[in-house]
N, C-alpha and C. Protein backbone atom coordinates (compact mmCIF):
# COMPACT_ATOMS: atom_id res chain seq x y z
N MET A 1 -174.07 -123.38 6.60
CA MET A 1 -175.28 -122.69 6.19
C MET A 1 -176.27 -122.74 7.33
N THR A 2 -176.96 -121.65 7.59
CA THR A 2 -178.02 -121.63 8.58
C THR A 2 -179.29 -121.13 7.93
N SER A 3 -180.43 -121.58 8.44
CA SER A 3 -181.73 -121.12 7.96
C SER A 3 -182.51 -120.66 9.17
N ASN A 4 -182.81 -119.36 9.23
CA ASN A 4 -183.37 -118.83 10.46
C ASN A 4 -184.01 -117.48 10.21
N ASN A 5 -185.27 -117.32 10.58
CA ASN A 5 -185.94 -116.03 10.47
C ASN A 5 -185.56 -115.10 11.61
N GLU A 6 -185.14 -115.67 12.75
CA GLU A 6 -184.76 -114.86 13.90
C GLU A 6 -183.25 -114.63 13.84
N ILE A 7 -182.83 -113.67 13.06
CA ILE A 7 -181.41 -113.42 12.85
C ILE A 7 -180.86 -112.58 14.00
N SER A 8 -179.72 -113.01 14.54
CA SER A 8 -179.08 -112.24 15.60
C SER A 8 -178.42 -111.01 15.00
N ASP A 9 -178.18 -110.01 15.82
CA ASP A 9 -177.63 -108.75 15.36
C ASP A 9 -176.21 -108.94 14.83
N PRO A 10 -175.98 -108.70 13.54
CA PRO A 10 -174.63 -108.86 12.97
C PRO A 10 -173.80 -107.59 13.19
N LYS A 11 -173.62 -107.23 14.44
CA LYS A 11 -172.95 -105.97 14.77
C LYS A 11 -171.57 -105.89 14.13
N ASN A 12 -171.35 -104.80 13.39
CA ASN A 12 -170.07 -104.52 12.72
C ASN A 12 -169.69 -105.53 11.64
N ALA A 13 -170.60 -106.44 11.32
CA ALA A 13 -170.31 -107.43 10.29
C ALA A 13 -170.60 -106.86 8.91
N ARG A 14 -169.88 -107.37 7.92
CA ARG A 14 -170.08 -106.99 6.52
C ARG A 14 -170.95 -108.07 5.88
N ILE A 15 -172.20 -107.72 5.58
CA ILE A 15 -173.19 -108.70 5.15
C ILE A 15 -173.69 -108.37 3.74
N GLY A 16 -173.60 -109.36 2.86
CA GLY A 16 -174.20 -109.23 1.54
C GLY A 16 -175.65 -109.68 1.59
N LEU A 17 -176.52 -108.93 0.93
CA LEU A 17 -177.95 -109.25 0.90
C LEU A 17 -178.34 -109.66 -0.51
N LEU A 18 -178.74 -110.92 -0.67
CA LEU A 18 -179.17 -111.43 -1.97
C LEU A 18 -180.65 -111.76 -1.89
N GLY A 19 -181.47 -110.91 -2.47
CA GLY A 19 -182.91 -111.11 -2.41
C GLY A 19 -183.44 -111.75 -3.67
N GLY A 20 -184.62 -112.33 -3.56
CA GLY A 20 -185.23 -112.93 -4.74
C GLY A 20 -186.27 -113.97 -4.38
N SER A 21 -186.89 -114.50 -5.41
CA SER A 21 -187.92 -115.52 -5.19
C SER A 21 -187.31 -116.87 -4.82
N PHE A 22 -186.11 -117.15 -5.31
CA PHE A 22 -185.46 -118.46 -5.08
C PHE A 22 -186.45 -119.57 -5.41
N ASN A 23 -186.96 -119.53 -6.64
CA ASN A 23 -188.03 -120.44 -7.04
C ASN A 23 -187.60 -121.31 -8.24
N PRO A 24 -186.61 -122.21 -8.04
CA PRO A 24 -185.94 -122.54 -6.79
C PRO A 24 -184.55 -121.89 -6.72
N ALA A 25 -183.90 -122.06 -5.56
CA ALA A 25 -182.49 -121.67 -5.43
C ALA A 25 -181.64 -122.60 -6.30
N HIS A 26 -180.50 -122.08 -6.79
CA HIS A 26 -179.64 -122.90 -7.66
C HIS A 26 -178.19 -122.49 -7.49
N ASP A 27 -177.32 -123.16 -8.23
CA ASP A 27 -175.88 -122.94 -8.09
C ASP A 27 -175.46 -121.52 -8.48
N GLY A 28 -176.25 -120.86 -9.32
CA GLY A 28 -175.94 -119.48 -9.68
C GLY A 28 -176.01 -118.57 -8.47
N HIS A 29 -177.00 -118.80 -7.58
CA HIS A 29 -177.10 -118.02 -6.35
C HIS A 29 -175.88 -118.27 -5.47
N LEU A 30 -175.48 -119.53 -5.40
CA LEU A 30 -174.32 -119.89 -4.58
C LEU A 30 -173.05 -119.27 -5.14
N GLU A 31 -172.91 -119.26 -6.46
CA GLU A 31 -171.72 -118.71 -7.09
C GLU A 31 -171.60 -117.20 -6.83
N ILE A 32 -172.72 -116.47 -6.97
CA ILE A 32 -172.70 -115.03 -6.67
C ILE A 32 -172.31 -114.80 -5.23
N SER A 33 -172.86 -115.59 -4.32
CA SER A 33 -172.59 -115.42 -2.89
C SER A 33 -171.12 -115.66 -2.57
N GLU A 34 -170.56 -116.73 -3.12
CA GLU A 34 -169.16 -117.04 -2.83
C GLU A 34 -168.22 -116.00 -3.44
N LEU A 35 -168.53 -115.54 -4.64
CA LEU A 35 -167.72 -114.52 -5.28
C LEU A 35 -167.82 -113.21 -4.48
N ALA A 36 -169.01 -112.88 -4.01
CA ALA A 36 -169.20 -111.67 -3.22
C ALA A 36 -168.39 -111.72 -1.92
N MET A 37 -168.41 -112.86 -1.26
CA MET A 37 -167.66 -112.98 -0.01
C MET A 37 -166.17 -112.82 -0.24
N CYS A 38 -165.71 -113.27 -1.39
CA CYS A 38 -164.29 -113.17 -1.73
C CYS A 38 -163.93 -111.74 -2.14
N LYS A 39 -164.63 -111.20 -3.13
CA LYS A 39 -164.29 -109.90 -3.70
C LYS A 39 -164.60 -108.73 -2.78
N LEU A 40 -165.65 -108.87 -1.96
CA LEU A 40 -166.10 -107.76 -1.11
C LEU A 40 -165.67 -107.92 0.34
N ARG A 41 -164.96 -109.01 0.63
CA ARG A 41 -164.51 -109.29 2.00
C ARG A 41 -165.67 -109.29 2.98
N LEU A 42 -166.70 -110.05 2.64
CA LEU A 42 -167.89 -110.14 3.48
C LEU A 42 -167.72 -111.19 4.57
N ASP A 43 -168.41 -110.95 5.67
CA ASP A 43 -168.45 -111.95 6.74
C ASP A 43 -169.52 -113.00 6.48
N GLY A 44 -170.47 -112.65 5.65
CA GLY A 44 -171.54 -113.59 5.34
C GLY A 44 -172.50 -113.01 4.33
N VAL A 45 -173.42 -113.85 3.85
CA VAL A 45 -174.45 -113.44 2.91
C VAL A 45 -175.80 -113.94 3.40
N TRP A 46 -176.80 -113.08 3.34
CA TRP A 46 -178.17 -113.49 3.67
C TRP A 46 -178.95 -113.69 2.38
N TRP A 47 -179.50 -114.88 2.21
CA TRP A 47 -180.42 -115.12 1.11
C TRP A 47 -181.81 -114.77 1.61
N MET A 48 -182.36 -113.67 1.15
CA MET A 48 -183.67 -113.21 1.59
C MET A 48 -184.72 -113.71 0.61
N VAL A 49 -185.40 -114.78 1.00
CA VAL A 49 -186.41 -115.39 0.14
C VAL A 49 -187.69 -114.58 0.23
N SER A 50 -188.07 -113.99 -0.89
CA SER A 50 -189.22 -113.08 -0.91
C SER A 50 -190.53 -113.85 -0.88
N PRO A 51 -191.50 -113.38 -0.08
CA PRO A 51 -192.82 -114.02 -0.09
C PRO A 51 -193.45 -113.98 -1.48
N GLN A 52 -193.30 -112.84 -2.18
CA GLN A 52 -193.82 -112.70 -3.54
C GLN A 52 -193.15 -111.53 -4.22
N ASN A 53 -192.44 -111.80 -5.29
CA ASN A 53 -191.80 -110.76 -6.08
C ASN A 53 -192.88 -109.95 -6.79
N PRO A 54 -192.94 -108.62 -6.58
CA PRO A 54 -194.00 -107.81 -7.21
C PRO A 54 -193.95 -107.83 -8.73
N LEU A 55 -192.79 -108.16 -9.32
CA LEU A 55 -192.65 -108.16 -10.77
C LEU A 55 -192.86 -109.54 -11.39
N LYS A 56 -193.19 -110.53 -10.55
CA LYS A 56 -193.39 -111.88 -11.06
C LYS A 56 -194.79 -112.36 -10.70
N PRO A 57 -195.41 -113.16 -11.58
CA PRO A 57 -196.76 -113.67 -11.28
C PRO A 57 -196.74 -114.68 -10.14
N ALA A 58 -197.81 -114.64 -9.35
CA ALA A 58 -197.91 -115.58 -8.23
C ALA A 58 -198.10 -117.01 -8.72
N GLN A 59 -198.68 -117.16 -9.92
CA GLN A 59 -198.89 -118.49 -10.48
C GLN A 59 -197.55 -119.17 -10.74
N GLY A 60 -197.40 -120.37 -10.27
CA GLY A 60 -196.17 -121.12 -10.45
C GLY A 60 -195.16 -120.89 -9.35
N MET A 61 -195.49 -120.04 -8.38
CA MET A 61 -194.58 -119.77 -7.28
C MET A 61 -194.80 -120.80 -6.18
N ALA A 62 -193.75 -121.51 -5.80
CA ALA A 62 -193.85 -122.50 -4.73
C ALA A 62 -194.10 -121.80 -3.40
N PRO A 63 -194.69 -122.47 -2.42
CA PRO A 63 -194.91 -121.86 -1.11
C PRO A 63 -193.59 -121.38 -0.50
N LEU A 64 -193.67 -120.32 0.28
CA LEU A 64 -192.48 -119.72 0.87
C LEU A 64 -191.68 -120.73 1.68
N GLU A 65 -192.35 -121.55 2.48
CA GLU A 65 -191.65 -122.50 3.34
C GLU A 65 -190.85 -123.50 2.51
N ARG A 66 -191.42 -123.93 1.38
CA ARG A 66 -190.72 -124.88 0.52
C ARG A 66 -189.50 -124.22 -0.12
N ARG A 67 -189.65 -122.97 -0.57
CA ARG A 67 -188.54 -122.27 -1.21
C ARG A 67 -187.40 -122.03 -0.21
N ILE A 68 -187.75 -121.72 1.03
CA ILE A 68 -186.72 -121.54 2.06
C ILE A 68 -186.00 -122.86 2.32
N ALA A 69 -186.75 -123.94 2.41
CA ALA A 69 -186.14 -125.25 2.68
C ALA A 69 -185.22 -125.67 1.53
N GLU A 70 -185.64 -125.45 0.29
CA GLU A 70 -184.80 -125.80 -0.85
C GLU A 70 -183.55 -124.93 -0.91
N ALA A 71 -183.72 -123.64 -0.58
CA ALA A 71 -182.56 -122.74 -0.55
C ALA A 71 -181.57 -123.18 0.51
N ALA A 72 -182.08 -123.62 1.65
CA ALA A 72 -181.20 -124.07 2.73
C ALA A 72 -180.38 -125.29 2.30
N ARG A 73 -180.98 -126.15 1.49
CA ARG A 73 -180.24 -127.34 1.00
C ARG A 73 -179.20 -126.94 -0.05
N THR A 74 -179.49 -125.89 -0.81
CA THR A 74 -178.57 -125.45 -1.87
C THR A 74 -177.40 -124.65 -1.31
N ALA A 75 -177.65 -123.89 -0.27
CA ALA A 75 -176.64 -122.98 0.29
C ALA A 75 -175.60 -123.76 1.09
N ASP A 76 -174.71 -124.37 0.38
CA ASP A 76 -173.71 -125.25 1.00
C ASP A 76 -172.51 -124.46 1.50
N ASP A 77 -172.76 -123.55 2.45
CA ASP A 77 -171.69 -122.72 3.01
C ASP A 77 -172.16 -122.20 4.36
N PRO A 78 -171.39 -122.41 5.41
CA PRO A 78 -171.82 -121.98 6.76
C PRO A 78 -171.95 -120.47 6.89
N ARG A 79 -171.42 -119.72 5.94
CA ARG A 79 -171.50 -118.26 6.02
C ARG A 79 -172.78 -117.72 5.39
N ILE A 80 -173.58 -118.60 4.80
CA ILE A 80 -174.83 -118.18 4.16
C ILE A 80 -176.00 -118.45 5.09
N THR A 81 -176.81 -117.43 5.28
CA THR A 81 -178.03 -117.55 6.10
C THR A 81 -179.23 -117.42 5.18
N VAL A 82 -180.11 -118.39 5.21
CA VAL A 82 -181.34 -118.36 4.42
C VAL A 82 -182.48 -117.88 5.32
N THR A 83 -183.19 -116.86 4.87
CA THR A 83 -184.21 -116.27 5.73
C THR A 83 -185.40 -115.74 4.95
N GLY A 84 -186.54 -115.76 5.58
CA GLY A 84 -187.75 -115.13 5.05
C GLY A 84 -188.06 -113.88 5.84
N ILE A 85 -187.04 -113.12 6.17
CA ILE A 85 -187.17 -111.99 7.09
C ILE A 85 -188.13 -110.92 6.59
N GLU A 86 -188.36 -110.84 5.29
CA GLU A 86 -189.30 -109.83 4.79
C GLU A 86 -190.71 -110.05 5.33
N THR A 87 -191.05 -111.29 5.59
CA THR A 87 -192.35 -111.58 6.19
C THR A 87 -192.44 -110.96 7.57
N GLU A 88 -191.38 -111.09 8.35
CA GLU A 88 -191.33 -110.52 9.69
C GLU A 88 -191.31 -109.00 9.64
N LEU A 89 -190.57 -108.44 8.68
CA LEU A 89 -190.48 -106.98 8.56
C LEU A 89 -191.77 -106.38 8.02
N GLY A 90 -192.55 -107.19 7.30
CA GLY A 90 -193.78 -106.68 6.70
C GLY A 90 -193.52 -105.83 5.47
N THR A 91 -192.42 -106.09 4.77
CA THR A 91 -192.06 -105.31 3.58
C THR A 91 -192.21 -106.15 2.32
N GLN A 92 -192.52 -105.48 1.22
CA GLN A 92 -192.67 -106.17 -0.06
C GLN A 92 -191.65 -105.70 -1.08
N TYR A 93 -191.25 -104.44 -0.97
CA TYR A 93 -190.35 -103.85 -1.96
C TYR A 93 -188.95 -103.72 -1.39
N THR A 94 -187.95 -103.92 -2.26
CA THR A 94 -186.56 -103.92 -1.83
C THR A 94 -186.17 -102.63 -1.11
N ALA A 95 -186.59 -101.49 -1.61
CA ALA A 95 -186.25 -100.22 -0.99
C ALA A 95 -186.73 -100.16 0.46
N ASP A 96 -187.94 -100.66 0.70
CA ASP A 96 -188.48 -100.67 2.06
C ASP A 96 -187.77 -101.69 2.94
N THR A 97 -187.44 -102.84 2.36
CA THR A 97 -186.74 -103.88 3.12
C THR A 97 -185.38 -103.39 3.59
N LEU A 98 -184.63 -102.76 2.70
CA LEU A 98 -183.30 -102.28 3.06
C LEU A 98 -183.37 -101.19 4.13
N ALA A 99 -184.34 -100.31 4.03
CA ALA A 99 -184.50 -99.27 5.05
C ALA A 99 -184.83 -99.89 6.41
N ALA A 100 -185.68 -100.93 6.40
CA ALA A 100 -186.05 -101.59 7.65
C ALA A 100 -184.86 -102.33 8.25
N LEU A 101 -184.04 -102.96 7.41
CA LEU A 101 -182.86 -103.67 7.91
C LEU A 101 -181.84 -102.69 8.49
N ARG A 102 -181.66 -101.56 7.85
CA ARG A 102 -180.73 -100.55 8.36
C ARG A 102 -181.19 -100.04 9.72
N GLU A 103 -182.50 -99.92 9.89
CA GLU A 103 -183.04 -99.45 11.17
C GLU A 103 -182.89 -100.52 12.25
N ARG A 104 -183.15 -101.77 11.89
CA ARG A 104 -183.08 -102.86 12.88
C ARG A 104 -181.64 -103.20 13.25
N PHE A 105 -180.74 -103.14 12.26
CA PHE A 105 -179.33 -103.49 12.50
C PHE A 105 -178.43 -102.31 12.14
N PRO A 106 -178.45 -101.26 12.92
CA PRO A 106 -177.74 -100.02 12.55
C PRO A 106 -176.23 -100.16 12.48
N ASN A 107 -175.66 -101.18 13.13
CA ASN A 107 -174.20 -101.33 13.14
C ASN A 107 -173.68 -102.30 12.09
N ALA A 108 -174.58 -102.95 11.37
CA ALA A 108 -174.15 -103.86 10.30
C ALA A 108 -173.79 -103.05 9.06
N ARG A 109 -172.91 -103.60 8.26
CA ARG A 109 -172.53 -102.95 7.00
C ARG A 109 -173.04 -103.83 5.86
N PHE A 110 -174.18 -103.43 5.33
CA PHE A 110 -174.85 -104.22 4.30
C PHE A 110 -174.42 -103.80 2.90
N ILE A 111 -174.41 -104.78 1.99
CA ILE A 111 -174.24 -104.54 0.56
C ILE A 111 -175.33 -105.30 -0.17
N TRP A 112 -176.03 -104.62 -1.06
CA TRP A 112 -177.06 -105.28 -1.86
C TRP A 112 -176.39 -105.98 -3.04
N LEU A 113 -176.66 -107.27 -3.20
CA LEU A 113 -176.08 -108.08 -4.27
C LEU A 113 -177.14 -108.36 -5.34
N MET A 114 -176.75 -108.23 -6.59
CA MET A 114 -177.72 -108.48 -7.66
C MET A 114 -177.01 -108.88 -8.95
N GLY A 115 -177.73 -109.58 -9.81
CA GLY A 115 -177.20 -109.94 -11.11
C GLY A 115 -177.37 -108.80 -12.09
N ALA A 116 -176.54 -108.79 -13.12
CA ALA A 116 -176.60 -107.72 -14.12
C ALA A 116 -177.96 -107.69 -14.83
N ASP A 117 -178.62 -108.84 -14.94
CA ASP A 117 -179.93 -108.88 -15.57
C ASP A 117 -180.94 -108.04 -14.80
N ASN A 118 -180.80 -108.01 -13.47
CA ASN A 118 -181.70 -107.19 -12.66
C ASN A 118 -181.38 -105.71 -12.76
N LEU A 119 -180.09 -105.38 -12.92
CA LEU A 119 -179.73 -103.97 -13.08
C LEU A 119 -180.36 -103.40 -14.35
N VAL A 120 -180.44 -104.22 -15.39
CA VAL A 120 -181.00 -103.77 -16.66
C VAL A 120 -182.45 -103.30 -16.50
N GLN A 121 -183.22 -104.00 -15.68
CA GLN A 121 -184.62 -103.63 -15.52
C GLN A 121 -184.93 -103.02 -14.15
N MET A 122 -183.89 -102.56 -13.46
CA MET A 122 -184.08 -102.03 -12.11
C MET A 122 -184.95 -100.77 -12.08
N HIS A 123 -184.97 -100.02 -13.17
CA HIS A 123 -185.76 -98.80 -13.21
C HIS A 123 -187.26 -99.08 -13.08
N ARG A 124 -187.64 -100.34 -13.18
CA ARG A 124 -189.04 -100.73 -13.00
C ARG A 124 -189.37 -100.97 -11.53
N TRP A 125 -188.34 -101.06 -10.69
CA TRP A 125 -188.56 -101.32 -9.28
C TRP A 125 -189.11 -100.08 -8.59
N ARG A 126 -189.90 -100.30 -7.57
CA ARG A 126 -190.46 -99.18 -6.82
C ARG A 126 -189.34 -98.46 -6.05
N GLN A 127 -189.27 -97.14 -6.24
CA GLN A 127 -188.27 -96.29 -5.57
C GLN A 127 -186.85 -96.87 -5.73
N TRP A 128 -186.54 -97.27 -6.94
CA TRP A 128 -185.28 -97.97 -7.18
C TRP A 128 -184.05 -97.12 -6.84
N SER A 129 -184.10 -95.83 -7.10
CA SER A 129 -182.92 -95.00 -6.81
C SER A 129 -182.65 -94.90 -5.31
N ARG A 130 -183.69 -95.09 -4.52
CA ARG A 130 -183.55 -95.07 -3.06
C ARG A 130 -182.65 -96.20 -2.58
N ILE A 131 -182.64 -97.31 -3.31
CA ILE A 131 -181.79 -98.45 -2.96
C ILE A 131 -180.33 -98.04 -2.96
N PHE A 132 -179.90 -97.32 -4.00
CA PHE A 132 -178.51 -96.87 -4.10
C PHE A 132 -178.13 -95.90 -2.99
N HIS A 133 -179.12 -95.17 -2.48
CA HIS A 133 -178.84 -94.20 -1.42
C HIS A 133 -178.91 -94.84 -0.03
N THR A 134 -179.33 -96.10 0.05
CA THR A 134 -179.48 -96.77 1.34
C THR A 134 -178.28 -97.64 1.67
N VAL A 135 -177.82 -98.44 0.72
CA VAL A 135 -176.67 -99.33 0.92
C VAL A 135 -175.83 -99.36 -0.34
N PRO A 136 -174.54 -99.70 -0.24
CA PRO A 136 -173.74 -99.94 -1.44
C PRO A 136 -174.32 -101.12 -2.22
N VAL A 137 -174.05 -101.15 -3.52
CA VAL A 137 -174.61 -102.17 -4.41
C VAL A 137 -173.49 -102.85 -5.19
N ALA A 138 -173.53 -104.18 -5.26
CA ALA A 138 -172.58 -104.95 -6.07
C ALA A 138 -173.36 -105.72 -7.13
N VAL A 139 -172.96 -105.53 -8.39
CA VAL A 139 -173.65 -106.14 -9.52
C VAL A 139 -172.73 -107.18 -10.15
N PHE A 140 -173.27 -108.36 -10.43
CA PHE A 140 -172.48 -109.46 -10.96
C PHE A 140 -172.94 -109.82 -12.36
N ALA A 141 -171.99 -109.97 -13.27
CA ALA A 141 -172.29 -110.23 -14.67
C ALA A 141 -173.08 -111.52 -14.83
N ARG A 142 -173.99 -111.49 -15.80
CA ARG A 142 -174.68 -112.68 -16.28
C ARG A 142 -174.43 -112.77 -17.77
N PRO A 143 -174.36 -113.95 -18.34
CA PRO A 143 -174.12 -114.08 -19.78
C PRO A 143 -175.07 -113.21 -20.60
N THR A 144 -174.53 -112.45 -21.52
CA THR A 144 -175.21 -111.55 -22.47
C THR A 144 -175.69 -110.25 -21.84
N TYR A 145 -175.51 -110.06 -20.53
CA TYR A 145 -176.07 -108.88 -19.89
C TYR A 145 -175.06 -107.79 -19.53
N SER A 146 -173.77 -108.07 -19.60
CA SER A 146 -172.78 -107.11 -19.12
C SER A 146 -172.86 -105.76 -19.83
N LEU A 147 -172.89 -105.79 -21.16
CA LEU A 147 -172.92 -104.54 -21.92
C LEU A 147 -174.21 -103.78 -21.65
N ARG A 148 -175.34 -104.49 -21.66
CA ARG A 148 -176.62 -103.83 -21.40
C ARG A 148 -176.66 -103.26 -19.98
N ALA A 149 -176.01 -103.94 -19.03
CA ALA A 149 -175.99 -103.44 -17.65
C ALA A 149 -175.28 -102.10 -17.56
N GLU A 150 -174.19 -101.96 -18.28
CA GLU A 150 -173.44 -100.71 -18.24
C GLU A 150 -174.21 -99.57 -18.88
N GLN A 151 -175.15 -99.90 -19.76
CA GLN A 151 -175.95 -98.88 -20.42
C GLN A 151 -177.32 -98.70 -19.78
N ALA A 152 -177.59 -99.44 -18.71
CA ALA A 152 -178.89 -99.38 -18.05
C ALA A 152 -179.13 -98.01 -17.43
N LYS A 153 -180.39 -97.67 -17.25
CA LYS A 153 -180.76 -96.37 -16.68
C LYS A 153 -180.13 -96.17 -15.32
N ALA A 154 -180.16 -97.22 -14.47
CA ALA A 154 -179.57 -97.11 -13.13
C ALA A 154 -178.08 -96.88 -13.20
N ALA A 155 -177.40 -97.58 -14.11
CA ALA A 155 -175.95 -97.43 -14.25
C ALA A 155 -175.60 -96.02 -14.71
N ARG A 156 -176.37 -95.48 -15.61
CA ARG A 156 -176.10 -94.14 -16.12
C ARG A 156 -176.37 -93.08 -15.06
N ARG A 157 -177.46 -93.25 -14.32
CA ARG A 157 -177.79 -92.26 -13.31
C ARG A 157 -176.73 -92.20 -12.20
N PHE A 158 -176.18 -93.34 -11.85
CA PHE A 158 -175.22 -93.38 -10.74
C PHE A 158 -173.79 -93.63 -11.23
N ALA A 159 -173.52 -93.26 -12.47
CA ALA A 159 -172.20 -93.50 -13.06
C ALA A 159 -171.08 -92.86 -12.24
N ARG A 160 -171.27 -91.70 -11.70
CA ARG A 160 -170.21 -91.00 -10.97
C ARG A 160 -169.86 -91.68 -9.65
N TYR A 161 -170.73 -92.58 -9.19
CA TYR A 161 -170.52 -93.26 -7.91
C TYR A 161 -170.00 -94.69 -8.09
N ARG A 162 -169.70 -95.05 -9.32
CA ARG A 162 -169.22 -96.41 -9.58
C ARG A 162 -167.79 -96.58 -9.07
N VAL A 163 -167.56 -97.67 -8.39
CA VAL A 163 -166.26 -97.99 -7.82
C VAL A 163 -165.56 -99.01 -8.73
N PRO A 164 -164.28 -98.81 -9.06
CA PRO A 164 -163.58 -99.81 -9.89
C PRO A 164 -163.57 -101.17 -9.20
N ALA A 165 -163.65 -102.22 -9.98
CA ALA A 165 -163.71 -103.58 -9.42
C ALA A 165 -162.50 -103.88 -8.54
N TYR A 166 -161.34 -103.32 -8.87
CA TYR A 166 -160.14 -103.62 -8.07
C TYR A 166 -160.18 -102.96 -6.70
N LYS A 167 -161.14 -102.06 -6.47
CA LYS A 167 -161.30 -101.44 -5.16
C LYS A 167 -162.54 -101.97 -4.42
N ALA A 168 -163.11 -103.04 -4.94
CA ALA A 168 -164.37 -103.54 -4.40
C ALA A 168 -164.28 -104.03 -2.96
N SER A 169 -163.10 -104.42 -2.52
CA SER A 169 -162.96 -104.94 -1.15
C SER A 169 -163.29 -103.88 -0.10
N ARG A 170 -163.33 -102.61 -0.50
CA ARG A 170 -163.63 -101.52 0.43
C ARG A 170 -165.05 -101.00 0.28
N LEU A 171 -165.85 -101.66 -0.54
CA LEU A 171 -167.19 -101.16 -0.84
C LEU A 171 -168.07 -101.04 0.41
N ALA A 172 -167.97 -102.02 1.31
CA ALA A 172 -168.81 -102.00 2.51
C ALA A 172 -168.51 -100.81 3.42
N ASP A 173 -167.34 -100.24 3.28
CA ASP A 173 -166.95 -99.11 4.12
C ASP A 173 -167.30 -97.76 3.51
N LYS A 174 -167.79 -97.79 2.27
CA LYS A 174 -168.08 -96.54 1.59
C LYS A 174 -169.48 -96.03 1.91
N ARG A 175 -169.62 -94.73 1.85
CA ARG A 175 -170.91 -94.10 2.06
C ARG A 175 -171.75 -94.21 0.79
N SER A 176 -173.01 -94.52 0.93
CA SER A 176 -173.90 -94.62 -0.22
C SER A 176 -174.19 -93.22 -0.77
N PRO A 177 -174.37 -93.16 -2.12
CA PRO A 177 -174.34 -94.25 -3.10
C PRO A 177 -172.92 -94.65 -3.49
N ALA A 178 -172.75 -95.93 -3.68
CA ALA A 178 -171.49 -96.51 -4.17
C ALA A 178 -171.83 -97.88 -4.74
N TRP A 179 -171.28 -98.19 -5.91
CA TRP A 179 -171.61 -99.49 -6.50
C TRP A 179 -170.47 -99.97 -7.39
N VAL A 180 -170.48 -101.28 -7.63
CA VAL A 180 -169.44 -101.90 -8.44
C VAL A 180 -170.09 -102.92 -9.38
N LEU A 181 -169.49 -103.08 -10.55
CA LEU A 181 -169.94 -104.09 -11.50
C LEU A 181 -168.80 -105.05 -11.77
N PHE A 182 -169.02 -106.33 -11.48
CA PHE A 182 -168.05 -107.37 -11.79
C PHE A 182 -168.42 -107.95 -13.15
N LYS A 183 -167.50 -107.90 -14.09
CA LYS A 183 -167.80 -108.29 -15.46
C LYS A 183 -167.57 -109.76 -15.76
N ARG A 184 -166.95 -110.48 -14.85
CA ARG A 184 -166.70 -111.90 -15.10
C ARG A 184 -168.02 -112.65 -15.26
N PRO A 185 -168.21 -113.37 -16.37
CA PRO A 185 -169.46 -114.10 -16.57
C PRO A 185 -169.67 -115.15 -15.47
N LEU A 186 -170.91 -115.25 -15.03
CA LEU A 186 -171.24 -116.21 -13.99
C LEU A 186 -172.05 -117.37 -14.58
N ASN A 187 -172.41 -118.28 -13.71
CA ASN A 187 -173.19 -119.46 -14.07
C ASN A 187 -174.45 -119.05 -14.84
N PRO A 188 -174.65 -119.56 -16.06
CA PRO A 188 -175.83 -119.17 -16.85
C PRO A 188 -177.12 -119.80 -16.35
N LEU A 189 -177.04 -120.72 -15.42
CA LEU A 189 -178.23 -121.41 -14.92
C LEU A 189 -179.19 -120.43 -14.27
N SER A 190 -180.47 -120.59 -14.52
CA SER A 190 -181.47 -119.73 -13.91
C SER A 190 -182.58 -120.58 -13.32
N ALA A 191 -183.36 -119.97 -12.43
CA ALA A 191 -184.48 -120.67 -11.82
C ALA A 191 -185.50 -121.06 -12.89
N THR A 192 -185.68 -120.22 -13.90
CA THR A 192 -186.62 -120.53 -14.98
C THR A 192 -186.21 -121.81 -15.70
N GLN A 193 -184.91 -121.95 -16.00
CA GLN A 193 -184.43 -123.16 -16.66
C GLN A 193 -184.67 -124.39 -15.80
N LEU A 194 -184.43 -124.27 -14.49
CA LEU A 194 -184.63 -125.41 -13.59
C LEU A 194 -186.09 -125.84 -13.58
N ARG A 195 -187.01 -124.88 -13.55
CA ARG A 195 -188.42 -125.24 -13.53
C ARG A 195 -188.82 -125.95 -14.82
N ARG A 196 -188.27 -125.48 -15.96
CA ARG A 196 -188.57 -126.12 -17.23
C ARG A 196 -188.05 -127.55 -17.25
N GLN A 197 -186.83 -127.75 -16.70
CA GLN A 197 -186.27 -129.09 -16.65
C GLN A 197 -187.12 -130.02 -15.80
N LYS A 198 -187.63 -129.51 -14.68
CA LYS A 198 -188.46 -130.35 -13.81
C LYS A 198 -189.75 -130.73 -14.50
N ARG A 199 -190.36 -129.78 -15.24
CA ARG A 199 -191.61 -130.09 -15.93
C ARG A 199 -191.39 -131.09 -17.06
N ALA A 200 -190.20 -131.09 -17.63
CA ALA A 200 -189.90 -132.00 -18.75
C ALA A 200 -189.62 -133.41 -18.28
N GLN A 201 -189.33 -133.60 -17.01
CA GLN A 201 -188.99 -134.93 -16.49
C GLN A 201 -190.23 -135.81 -16.36
């Protein structure tokens, strides 16, 4: 695992992008990353720790430096890079971040990684459909969310571009829009649960 805001050019590499508050990072993030590297044949995954999620209140959010440090301790895999690159890019919204990364690293093959719970409410994101047109997207099941994810507004709008899970290893080579949904349930642990456990101690 590496933690570095000054990321070297991943020329021709297949990189999964997992964004979020990581408040804090947990085993669920690690599980998605490892499954993505296996199923999508990725060379690595970047954990992009957001300075502030526009859909989450700033109250209760740990400082960015602390969240990056905790994520670096959790990311027990040398193929995972923990970064606060959005601060350097000056972007707040995922659509803008992905466009900036594509411009900065034109030879990298990025895939946006997300949980099914986020797909359900993705239509609330700023310029959310632009994300599908910028990079391929891989969605990973979360307990109780798989069925709702398939019925989500984003899933319905881009239904014709959905790639079967058995062809997911070629997703990074496909032209956007292209996306896949993995239905296998993942770790139910969430950052919210971890924070509640810490407060109860």
